[in-house]
Amino acid sequence: MKSIRQTIVLATDDIWEAHNARGEMFGKESFYEIIRRNEALSANQILEAVIDELELFQTGVEPEDDVTLVVIKIVR
């Protein structure tokens, strides 16, 4: 039997609306790409990957708002 994997991600818009020092937004595509690229990892590792890349993107800029992110992995 083939295993089934699902990744559920719940996040506030504070992630994709975050800005860097040049005023650019992180964007939904960046957010989705991180999730796709790390899909095989655990929920905690995906969460850490998103937060790490967001912090790197915002280097030198104080975050404007709190970030809420929940990652759930279902494997059966």
Foldseek 3Di string as FASTA:
>chain_A
DDKDKDKDKDKDCLLQQWAAPVRDGCHPVVLVVLCVVCVVDAQVVSVVSSVVVSCVRHVPHDRPDDIDMGMDMDID
